[in-house]
Amino acid sequence: MKCPVCGVDNDKVIDSRSSQDGFSIRRRRECFSCHRRYTTHERIEEPAIKVIKKDGVRVPFERIRVQKGLEKACWKRPISHEQIEAVVVSLEDEIYASGEPEIESRQLGALVMGRLKKLDQVAYVRFASVYRRFEDAQDFVEELRPILAESKNKMDHS
């Protein structure tokens, strides 16, 4: 494994831990050259999943696209990289566990939004605004209405 800092291919594993879901291993490594530490994740190679876009075109599922979308939605929010990674991992696990070779982009978006809604409401609305292509303030109001009602119910029952 090449060090992401100095590029030398000479390191040692100093810690290995199975992920909570048991489908990946997190490894802490230390470079012998620059002595920096970094983390890698090892996963079982899964079969290629295709995403069916709205226009019917099929494209390969790319975890990095999901991760970048989450990062944009969570920008300047109190959400760590580890939390975003956990969302991506749980999403991937669910998709691969389905055993289906394809998933519609609509389903994929709904899975992401479900996880974001639990993680951070602002990030959820940001993601929804892009995913659902909000065109005006009324679209935001319609998306916020159930969230506000849920918050009000929680406050009334407290």
N, C-alpha and C. Protein backbone atom coordinates (compact mmCIF):
# COMPACT_ATOMS: atom_id res chain seq x y z
N MET A 1 0.86 -1.17 0.00
CA MET A 1 0.00 0.00 0.00
C MET A 1 0.90 1.23 0.00
N LYS A 2 0.70 2.12 -0.95
CA LYS A 2 1.50 3.34 -1.02
C LYS A 2 1.01 4.35 0.00
N CYS A 3 1.94 4.98 0.67
CA CYS A 3 1.63 6.02 1.65
C CYS A 3 1.00 7.21 0.93
N PRO A 4 -0.14 7.72 1.42
CA PRO A 4 -0.77 8.87 0.76
C PRO A 4 0.01 10.17 0.97
N VAL A 5 0.97 10.17 1.90
CA VAL A 5 1.75 11.38 2.17
C VAL A 5 3.02 11.42 1.32
N CYS A 6 3.84 10.36 1.41
CA CYS A 6 5.13 10.38 0.70
C CYS A 6 5.17 9.47 -0.53
N GLY A 7 4.19 8.59 -0.69
CA GLY A 7 4.12 7.74 -1.87
C GLY A 7 4.97 6.49 -1.83
N VAL A 8 5.66 6.27 -0.74
CA VAL A 8 6.51 5.08 -0.61
C VAL A 8 5.63 3.86 -0.32
N ASP A 9 5.97 2.74 -0.96
CA ASP A 9 5.20 1.50 -0.78
C ASP A 9 5.89 0.62 0.25
N ASN A 10 5.87 1.07 1.51
CA ASN A 10 6.50 0.31 2.58
C ASN A 10 5.86 0.74 3.89
N ASP A 11 4.92 -0.09 4.38
CA ASP A 11 4.22 0.25 5.62
C ASP A 11 3.99 -0.99 6.46
N LYS A 12 3.44 -0.76 7.62
CA LYS A 12 3.04 -1.87 8.48
C LYS A 12 1.65 -1.59 9.01
N VAL A 13 0.91 -2.66 9.24
CA VAL A 13 -0.42 -2.55 9.84
C VAL A 13 -0.23 -2.52 11.34
N ILE A 14 -0.77 -1.48 12.00
CA ILE A 14 -0.61 -1.37 13.45
C ILE A 14 -1.89 -1.69 14.19
N ASP A 15 -3.03 -1.74 13.46
CA ASP A 15 -4.30 -2.09 14.09
C ASP A 15 -5.29 -2.52 13.02
N SER A 16 -6.03 -3.58 13.27
CA SER A 16 -7.09 -4.04 12.36
C SER A 16 -8.35 -4.25 13.18
N ARG A 17 -9.45 -3.74 12.66
CA ARG A 17 -10.73 -3.91 13.35
C ARG A 17 -11.81 -4.22 12.33
N SER A 18 -12.64 -5.16 12.66
CA SER A 18 -13.79 -5.46 11.84
C SER A 18 -14.82 -4.34 12.01
N SER A 19 -15.49 -3.98 10.94
CA SER A 19 -16.51 -2.94 11.05
C SER A 19 -17.70 -3.48 11.82
N GLN A 20 -18.59 -2.59 12.21
CA GLN A 20 -19.77 -2.99 12.97
C GLN A 20 -20.62 -3.99 12.20
N ASP A 21 -20.70 -3.81 10.87
CA ASP A 21 -21.53 -4.70 10.07
C ASP A 21 -20.82 -6.02 9.75
N GLY A 22 -19.52 -6.10 9.97
CA GLY A 22 -18.78 -7.33 9.72
C GLY A 22 -18.39 -7.55 8.27
N PHE A 23 -18.69 -6.61 7.38
CA PHE A 23 -18.40 -6.77 5.96
C PHE A 23 -17.14 -6.05 5.51
N SER A 24 -16.48 -5.37 6.42
CA SER A 24 -15.24 -4.69 6.04
C SER A 24 -14.29 -4.67 7.23
N ILE A 25 -13.02 -4.42 6.92
CA ILE A 25 -11.99 -4.33 7.94
C ILE A 25 -11.31 -2.98 7.81
N ARG A 26 -11.19 -2.30 8.93
CA ARG A 26 -10.50 -1.01 9.00
C ARG A 26 -9.09 -1.29 9.48
N ARG A 27 -8.10 -0.80 8.74
CA ARG A 27 -6.71 -1.02 9.12
C ARG A 27 -6.00 0.32 9.31
N ARG A 28 -5.31 0.46 10.43
CA ARG A 28 -4.44 1.63 10.65
C ARG A 28 -3.04 1.19 10.23
N ARG A 29 -2.42 2.01 9.43
CA ARG A 29 -1.10 1.68 8.89
C ARG A 29 -0.12 2.79 9.24
N GLU A 30 1.16 2.42 9.30
CA GLU A 30 2.21 3.41 9.53
C GLU A 30 3.27 3.23 8.46
N CYS A 31 3.63 4.33 7.83
CA CYS A 31 4.65 4.32 6.78
C CYS A 31 6.04 4.22 7.43
N PHE A 32 6.87 3.30 6.93
CA PHE A 32 8.22 3.17 7.45
C PHE A 32 9.09 4.36 7.04
N SER A 33 8.77 5.00 5.93
CA SER A 33 9.58 6.09 5.43
C SER A 33 9.33 7.41 6.17
N CYS A 34 8.06 7.88 6.19
CA CYS A 34 7.78 9.19 6.79
C CYS A 34 7.13 9.09 8.17
N HIS A 35 6.79 7.87 8.59
CA HIS A 35 6.22 7.58 9.91
C HIS A 35 4.81 8.15 10.12
N ARG A 36 4.17 8.57 9.03
CA ARG A 36 2.78 9.03 9.12
C ARG A 36 1.86 7.83 9.22
N ARG A 37 0.73 8.03 9.86
CA ARG A 37 -0.28 6.98 9.97
C ARG A 37 -1.47 7.32 9.10
N TYR A 38 -2.08 6.29 8.54
CA TYR A 38 -3.27 6.48 7.72
C TYR A 38 -4.16 5.25 7.84
N THR A 39 -5.40 5.39 7.38
CA THR A 39 -6.40 4.34 7.51
C THR A 39 -6.79 3.82 6.14
N THR A 40 -6.93 2.49 6.04
CA THR A 40 -7.46 1.88 4.83
C THR A 40 -8.65 1.01 5.23
N HIS A 41 -9.50 0.74 4.25
CA HIS A 41 -10.66 -0.13 4.47
C HIS A 41 -10.61 -1.25 3.45
N GLU A 42 -10.77 -2.46 3.94
CA GLU A 42 -10.76 -3.63 3.07
C GLU A 42 -12.16 -4.21 3.05
N ARG A 43 -12.69 -4.44 1.83
CA ARG A 43 -14.04 -4.98 1.67
C ARG A 43 -14.01 -6.14 0.68
N ILE A 44 -14.99 -6.99 0.78
CA ILE A 44 -15.17 -8.06 -0.18
C ILE A 44 -15.54 -7.42 -1.52
N GLU A 45 -14.95 -7.90 -2.59
CA GLU A 45 -15.29 -7.35 -3.90
C GLU A 45 -16.68 -7.84 -4.28
N GLU A 46 -17.55 -6.90 -4.46
CA GLU A 46 -18.95 -7.20 -4.76
C GLU A 46 -19.18 -7.17 -6.27
N PRO A 47 -20.23 -7.86 -6.72
CA PRO A 47 -20.54 -7.79 -8.15
C PRO A 47 -20.97 -6.37 -8.52
N ALA A 48 -20.75 -6.01 -9.77
CA ALA A 48 -21.08 -4.66 -10.24
C ALA A 48 -22.60 -4.45 -10.22
N ILE A 49 -23.01 -3.38 -9.59
CA ILE A 49 -24.43 -3.00 -9.54
C ILE A 49 -24.62 -1.86 -10.55
N LYS A 50 -25.70 -1.90 -11.27
CA LYS A 50 -26.04 -0.84 -12.21
C LYS A 50 -27.14 0.03 -11.62
N VAL A 51 -27.04 1.34 -11.85
CA VAL A 51 -28.06 2.29 -11.45
C VAL A 51 -28.85 2.64 -12.71
N ILE A 52 -30.17 2.48 -12.62
CA ILE A 52 -31.03 2.82 -13.75
C ILE A 52 -31.47 4.27 -13.57
N LYS A 53 -30.97 5.13 -14.45
CA LYS A 53 -31.29 6.56 -14.38
C LYS A 53 -32.73 6.80 -14.84
N LYS A 54 -33.21 8.01 -14.61
CA LYS A 54 -34.60 8.35 -14.96
C LYS A 54 -34.89 8.17 -16.45
N ASP A 55 -33.88 8.36 -17.29
CA ASP A 55 -34.09 8.22 -18.73
C ASP A 55 -33.88 6.79 -19.22
N GLY A 56 -33.67 5.84 -18.27
CA GLY A 56 -33.52 4.43 -18.63
C GLY A 56 -32.09 4.00 -18.85
N VAL A 57 -31.17 4.93 -18.92
CA VAL A 57 -29.75 4.60 -19.11
C VAL A 57 -29.23 3.90 -17.84
N ARG A 58 -28.41 2.88 -18.04
CA ARG A 58 -27.82 2.14 -16.93
C ARG A 58 -26.36 2.53 -16.80
N VAL A 59 -25.97 2.91 -15.58
CA VAL A 59 -24.59 3.29 -15.30
C VAL A 59 -24.11 2.51 -14.08
N PRO A 60 -22.81 2.28 -13.97
CA PRO A 60 -22.30 1.56 -12.80
C PRO A 60 -22.54 2.36 -11.51
N PHE A 61 -22.88 1.65 -10.43
CA PHE A 61 -22.99 2.27 -9.11
C PHE A 61 -21.59 2.69 -8.71
N GLU A 62 -21.45 3.96 -8.30
CA GLU A 62 -20.15 4.46 -7.88
C GLU A 62 -20.29 5.04 -6.48
N ARG A 63 -19.67 4.38 -5.53
CA ARG A 63 -19.74 4.81 -4.14
C ARG A 63 -19.22 6.23 -3.97
N ILE A 64 -18.22 6.62 -4.76
CA ILE A 64 -17.64 7.95 -4.64
C ILE A 64 -18.66 9.03 -4.99
N ARG A 65 -19.55 8.76 -5.94
CA ARG A 65 -20.58 9.74 -6.30
C ARG A 65 -21.55 9.94 -5.14
N VAL A 66 -21.91 8.85 -4.49
CA VAL A 66 -22.80 8.94 -3.32
C VAL A 66 -22.09 9.71 -2.21
N GLN A 67 -20.83 9.38 -1.97
CA GLN A 67 -20.06 10.04 -0.92
C GLN A 67 -19.93 11.54 -1.18
N LYS A 68 -19.64 11.91 -2.42
CA LYS A 68 -19.50 13.34 -2.75
C LYS A 68 -20.84 14.07 -2.60
N GLY A 69 -21.94 13.43 -2.96
CA GLY A 69 -23.25 14.03 -2.77
C GLY A 69 -23.56 14.25 -1.30
N LEU A 70 -23.18 13.29 -0.47
CA LEU A 70 -23.37 13.42 0.97
C LEU A 70 -22.49 14.54 1.53
N GLU A 71 -21.25 14.60 1.06
CA GLU A 71 -20.34 15.65 1.54
C GLU A 71 -20.87 17.04 1.20
N LYS A 72 -21.42 17.20 0.01
CA LYS A 72 -22.00 18.50 -0.37
C LYS A 72 -23.20 18.83 0.52
N ALA A 73 -24.05 17.85 0.76
CA ALA A 73 -25.24 18.08 1.59
C ALA A 73 -24.85 18.39 3.03
N CYS A 74 -23.75 17.82 3.49
CA CYS A 74 -23.33 17.98 4.89
C CYS A 74 -22.31 19.10 5.08
N TRP A 75 -22.03 19.86 4.03
CA TRP A 75 -21.04 20.93 4.09
C TRP A 75 -21.39 21.92 5.19
N LYS A 76 -20.41 22.22 6.02
CA LYS A 76 -20.54 23.14 7.16
C LYS A 76 -21.61 22.70 8.17
N ARG A 77 -21.81 21.41 8.26
CA ARG A 77 -22.72 20.85 9.27
C ARG A 77 -21.86 20.07 10.26
N PRO A 78 -22.35 19.85 11.47
CA PRO A 78 -21.56 19.13 12.48
C PRO A 78 -21.57 17.61 12.25
N ILE A 79 -21.10 17.22 11.07
CA ILE A 79 -21.10 15.81 10.69
C ILE A 79 -19.68 15.42 10.30
N SER A 80 -19.17 14.39 10.92
CA SER A 80 -17.79 13.97 10.68
C SER A 80 -17.68 13.13 9.40
N HIS A 81 -16.45 13.03 8.93
CA HIS A 81 -16.18 12.16 7.77
C HIS A 81 -16.57 10.72 8.10
N GLU A 82 -16.35 10.30 9.34
CA GLU A 82 -16.68 8.94 9.75
C GLU A 82 -18.19 8.71 9.67
N GLN A 83 -18.99 9.71 10.02
CA GLN A 83 -20.45 9.57 9.92
C GLN A 83 -20.89 9.45 8.47
N ILE A 84 -20.28 10.23 7.60
CA ILE A 84 -20.60 10.14 6.17
C ILE A 84 -20.20 8.77 5.65
N GLU A 85 -19.01 8.32 6.02
CA GLU A 85 -18.54 6.99 5.60
C GLU A 85 -19.48 5.90 6.09
N ALA A 86 -19.98 6.03 7.31
CA ALA A 86 -20.91 5.03 7.85
C ALA A 86 -22.20 4.99 7.03
N VAL A 87 -22.67 6.15 6.60
CA VAL A 87 -23.88 6.19 5.76
C VAL A 87 -23.60 5.48 4.43
N VAL A 88 -22.47 5.77 3.82
CA VAL A 88 -22.13 5.15 2.54
C VAL A 88 -22.01 3.64 2.71
N VAL A 89 -21.34 3.19 3.76
CA VAL A 89 -21.17 1.76 4.00
C VAL A 89 -22.52 1.07 4.20
N SER A 90 -23.39 1.67 5.02
CA SER A 90 -24.69 1.04 5.27
C SER A 90 -25.53 1.00 4.00
N LEU A 91 -25.41 2.04 3.19
CA LEU A 91 -26.13 2.09 1.93
C LEU A 91 -25.63 0.99 0.99
N GLU A 92 -24.32 0.90 0.84
CA GLU A 92 -23.73 -0.15 0.00
C GLU A 92 -24.15 -1.54 0.47
N ASP A 93 -24.07 -1.74 1.78
CA ASP A 93 -24.43 -3.05 2.32
C ASP A 93 -25.87 -3.41 1.98
N GLU A 94 -26.77 -2.44 2.11
CA GLU A 94 -28.18 -2.70 1.81
C GLU A 94 -28.38 -3.02 0.32
N ILE A 95 -27.70 -2.27 -0.53
CA ILE A 95 -27.83 -2.49 -1.97
C ILE A 95 -27.31 -3.87 -2.35
N TYR A 96 -26.12 -4.23 -1.87
CA TYR A 96 -25.55 -5.53 -2.21
C TYR A 96 -26.32 -6.68 -1.57
N ALA A 97 -26.84 -6.46 -0.36
CA ALA A 97 -27.59 -7.52 0.33
C ALA A 97 -28.90 -7.84 -0.39
N SER A 98 -29.41 -6.89 -1.16
CA SER A 98 -30.66 -7.14 -1.89
C SER A 98 -30.48 -8.24 -2.93
N GLY A 99 -29.25 -8.42 -3.39
CA GLY A 99 -28.98 -9.44 -4.39
C GLY A 99 -29.39 -9.05 -5.80
N GLU A 100 -29.96 -7.86 -5.94
CA GLU A 100 -30.40 -7.39 -7.25
C GLU A 100 -29.21 -6.78 -8.00
N PRO A 101 -29.11 -7.05 -9.31
CA PRO A 101 -28.00 -6.49 -10.08
C PRO A 101 -28.20 -5.02 -10.47
N GLU A 102 -29.42 -4.50 -10.26
CA GLU A 102 -29.72 -3.12 -10.63
C GLU A 102 -30.58 -2.45 -9.56
N ILE A 103 -30.47 -1.12 -9.50
CA ILE A 103 -31.31 -0.33 -8.61
C ILE A 103 -31.69 0.95 -9.36
N GLU A 104 -32.93 1.36 -9.22
CA GLU A 104 -33.36 2.59 -9.87
C GLU A 104 -32.80 3.78 -9.09
N SER A 105 -32.44 4.83 -9.81
CA SER A 105 -31.89 6.02 -9.16
C SER A 105 -32.87 6.59 -8.14
N ARG A 106 -34.16 6.45 -8.42
CA ARG A 106 -35.20 6.91 -7.50
C ARG A 106 -35.09 6.16 -6.15
N GLN A 107 -34.89 4.85 -6.22
CA GLN A 107 -34.73 4.05 -5.00
C GLN A 107 -33.46 4.42 -4.25
N LEU A 108 -32.39 4.60 -5.00
CA LEU A 108 -31.11 4.96 -4.41
C LEU A 108 -31.22 6.31 -3.69
N GLY A 109 -31.83 7.28 -4.34
CA GLY A 109 -32.03 8.59 -3.73
C GLY A 109 -32.87 8.50 -2.46
N ALA A 110 -33.91 7.67 -2.49
CA ALA A 110 -34.76 7.50 -1.31
C ALA A 110 -33.98 6.88 -0.14
N LEU A 111 -33.10 5.93 -0.45
CA LEU A 111 -32.28 5.32 0.60
C LEU A 111 -31.34 6.35 1.22
N VAL A 112 -30.72 7.16 0.37
CA VAL A 112 -29.82 8.21 0.88
C VAL A 112 -30.60 9.19 1.74
N MET A 113 -31.74 9.64 1.25
CA MET A 113 -32.53 10.64 1.99
C MET A 113 -33.01 10.08 3.33
N GLY A 114 -33.37 8.81 3.36
CA GLY A 114 -33.80 8.21 4.62
C GLY A 114 -32.71 8.24 5.67
N ARG A 115 -31.49 7.97 5.24
CA ARG A 115 -30.37 7.99 6.17
C ARG A 115 -30.02 9.43 6.59
N LEU A 116 -30.05 10.34 5.62
CA LEU A 116 -29.74 11.74 5.94
C LEU A 116 -30.76 12.35 6.87
N LYS A 117 -32.01 11.98 6.71
CA LYS A 117 -33.07 12.53 7.56
C LYS A 117 -32.81 12.21 9.02
N LYS A 118 -32.27 11.02 9.27
CA LYS A 118 -31.93 10.62 10.65
C LYS A 118 -30.66 11.30 11.14
N LEU A 119 -29.76 11.59 10.22
CA LEU A 119 -28.45 12.14 10.58
C LEU A 119 -28.50 13.65 10.82
N ASP A 120 -29.13 14.39 9.90
CA ASP A 120 -29.13 15.85 10.00
C ASP A 120 -30.21 16.41 9.08
N GLN A 121 -31.16 17.14 9.66
CA GLN A 121 -32.29 17.63 8.88
C GLN A 121 -31.89 18.66 7.83
N VAL A 122 -30.91 19.50 8.14
CA VAL A 122 -30.47 20.50 7.17
C VAL A 122 -29.81 19.80 5.97
N ALA A 123 -28.96 18.84 6.24
CA ALA A 123 -28.32 18.09 5.16
C ALA A 123 -29.37 17.34 4.34
N TYR A 124 -30.38 16.82 5.01
CA TYR A 124 -31.47 16.13 4.33
C TYR A 124 -32.17 17.07 3.34
N VAL A 125 -32.52 18.27 3.78
CA VAL A 125 -33.23 19.22 2.91
C VAL A 125 -32.32 19.67 1.76
N ARG A 126 -31.04 19.85 2.04
CA ARG A 126 -30.10 20.22 0.98
C ARG A 126 -30.07 19.13 -0.10
N PHE A 127 -29.93 17.89 0.35
CA PHE A 127 -29.86 16.78 -0.60
C PHE A 127 -31.17 16.67 -1.37
N ALA A 128 -32.28 16.77 -0.66
CA ALA A 128 -33.59 16.67 -1.30
C ALA A 128 -33.78 17.76 -2.34
N SER A 129 -33.28 18.97 -2.05
CA SER A 129 -33.48 20.08 -2.98
C SER A 129 -32.78 19.82 -4.32
N VAL A 130 -31.64 19.16 -4.28
CA VAL A 130 -30.93 18.83 -5.52
C VAL A 130 -31.55 17.59 -6.15
N TYR A 131 -31.76 16.55 -5.34
CA TYR A 131 -32.26 15.28 -5.85
C TYR A 131 -33.65 15.43 -6.47
N ARG A 132 -34.50 16.18 -5.81
CA ARG A 132 -35.88 16.36 -6.29
C ARG A 132 -36.03 17.61 -7.17
N ARG A 133 -34.92 18.30 -7.39
CA ARG A 133 -34.89 19.47 -8.27
C ARG A 133 -35.92 20.53 -7.87
N PHE A 134 -35.78 21.00 -6.64
CA PHE A 134 -36.67 22.06 -6.18
C PHE A 134 -36.53 23.26 -7.12
N GLU A 135 -37.66 23.88 -7.42
CA GLU A 135 -37.63 25.02 -8.33
C GLU A 135 -37.96 26.34 -7.65
N ASP A 136 -38.60 26.28 -6.49
CA ASP A 136 -38.92 27.53 -5.79
C ASP A 136 -39.05 27.27 -4.30
N ALA A 137 -39.30 28.34 -3.55
CA ALA A 137 -39.39 28.24 -2.09
C ALA A 137 -40.52 27.32 -1.65
N GLN A 138 -41.59 27.24 -2.43
CA GLN A 138 -42.71 26.38 -2.06
C GLN A 138 -42.28 24.91 -1.99
N ASP A 139 -41.37 24.51 -2.86
CA ASP A 139 -40.87 23.13 -2.81
C ASP A 139 -40.16 22.86 -1.48
N PHE A 140 -39.41 23.84 -0.99
CA PHE A 140 -38.75 23.70 0.31
C PHE A 140 -39.79 23.60 1.43
N VAL A 141 -40.80 24.44 1.36
CA VAL A 141 -41.86 24.43 2.39
C VAL A 141 -42.53 23.07 2.43
N GLU A 142 -42.84 22.51 1.27
CA GLU A 142 -43.50 21.20 1.21
C GLU A 142 -42.61 20.10 1.81
N GLU A 143 -41.31 20.20 1.58
CA GLU A 143 -40.39 19.20 2.13
C GLU A 143 -40.25 19.36 3.64
N LEU A 144 -40.28 20.60 4.11
CA LEU A 144 -40.10 20.88 5.54
C LEU A 144 -41.36 20.60 6.37
N ARG A 145 -42.52 20.68 5.76
CA ARG A 145 -43.77 20.53 6.50
C ARG A 145 -43.80 19.26 7.37
N PRO A 146 -43.52 18.05 6.85
CA PRO A 146 -43.54 16.86 7.71
C PRO A 146 -42.46 16.89 8.80
N ILE A 147 -41.30 17.47 8.49
CA ILE A 147 -40.22 17.54 9.48
C ILE A 147 -40.64 18.44 10.64
N LEU A 148 -41.23 19.59 10.31
CA LEU A 148 -41.68 20.52 11.34
C LEU A 148 -42.81 19.92 12.17
N ALA A 149 -43.71 19.20 11.53
CA ALA A 149 -44.80 18.55 12.27
C ALA A 149 -44.25 17.50 13.23
N GLU A 150 -43.25 16.75 12.76
CA GLU A 150 -42.64 15.73 13.61
C GLU A 150 -41.94 16.37 14.81
N SER A 151 -41.22 17.48 14.57
CA SER A 151 -40.54 18.19 15.66
C SER A 151 -41.54 18.73 16.66
N LYS A 152 -42.65 19.25 16.17
CA LYS A 152 -43.70 19.79 17.06
C LYS A 152 -44.28 18.68 17.92
N ASN A 153 -44.54 17.51 17.32
CA ASN A 153 -45.06 16.38 18.08
C ASN A 153 -44.10 15.95 19.19
N LYS A 154 -42.82 15.95 18.88
CA LYS A 154 -41.82 15.57 19.88
C LYS A 154 -41.83 16.56 21.04
N MET A 155 -41.94 17.85 20.72
CA MET A 155 -41.96 18.88 21.76
C MET A 155 -43.23 18.80 22.61
N ASP A 156 -44.36 18.49 21.98
CA ASP A 156 -45.63 18.39 22.71
C ASP A 156 -45.63 17.20 23.66
N HIS A 157 -44.90 16.15 23.29
CA HIS A 157 -44.88 14.92 24.12
C HIS A 157 -43.75 14.94 25.15
N SER A 158 -42.96 15.99 25.17
CA SER A 158 -41.84 16.08 26.11
C SER A 158 -42.29 16.59 27.46
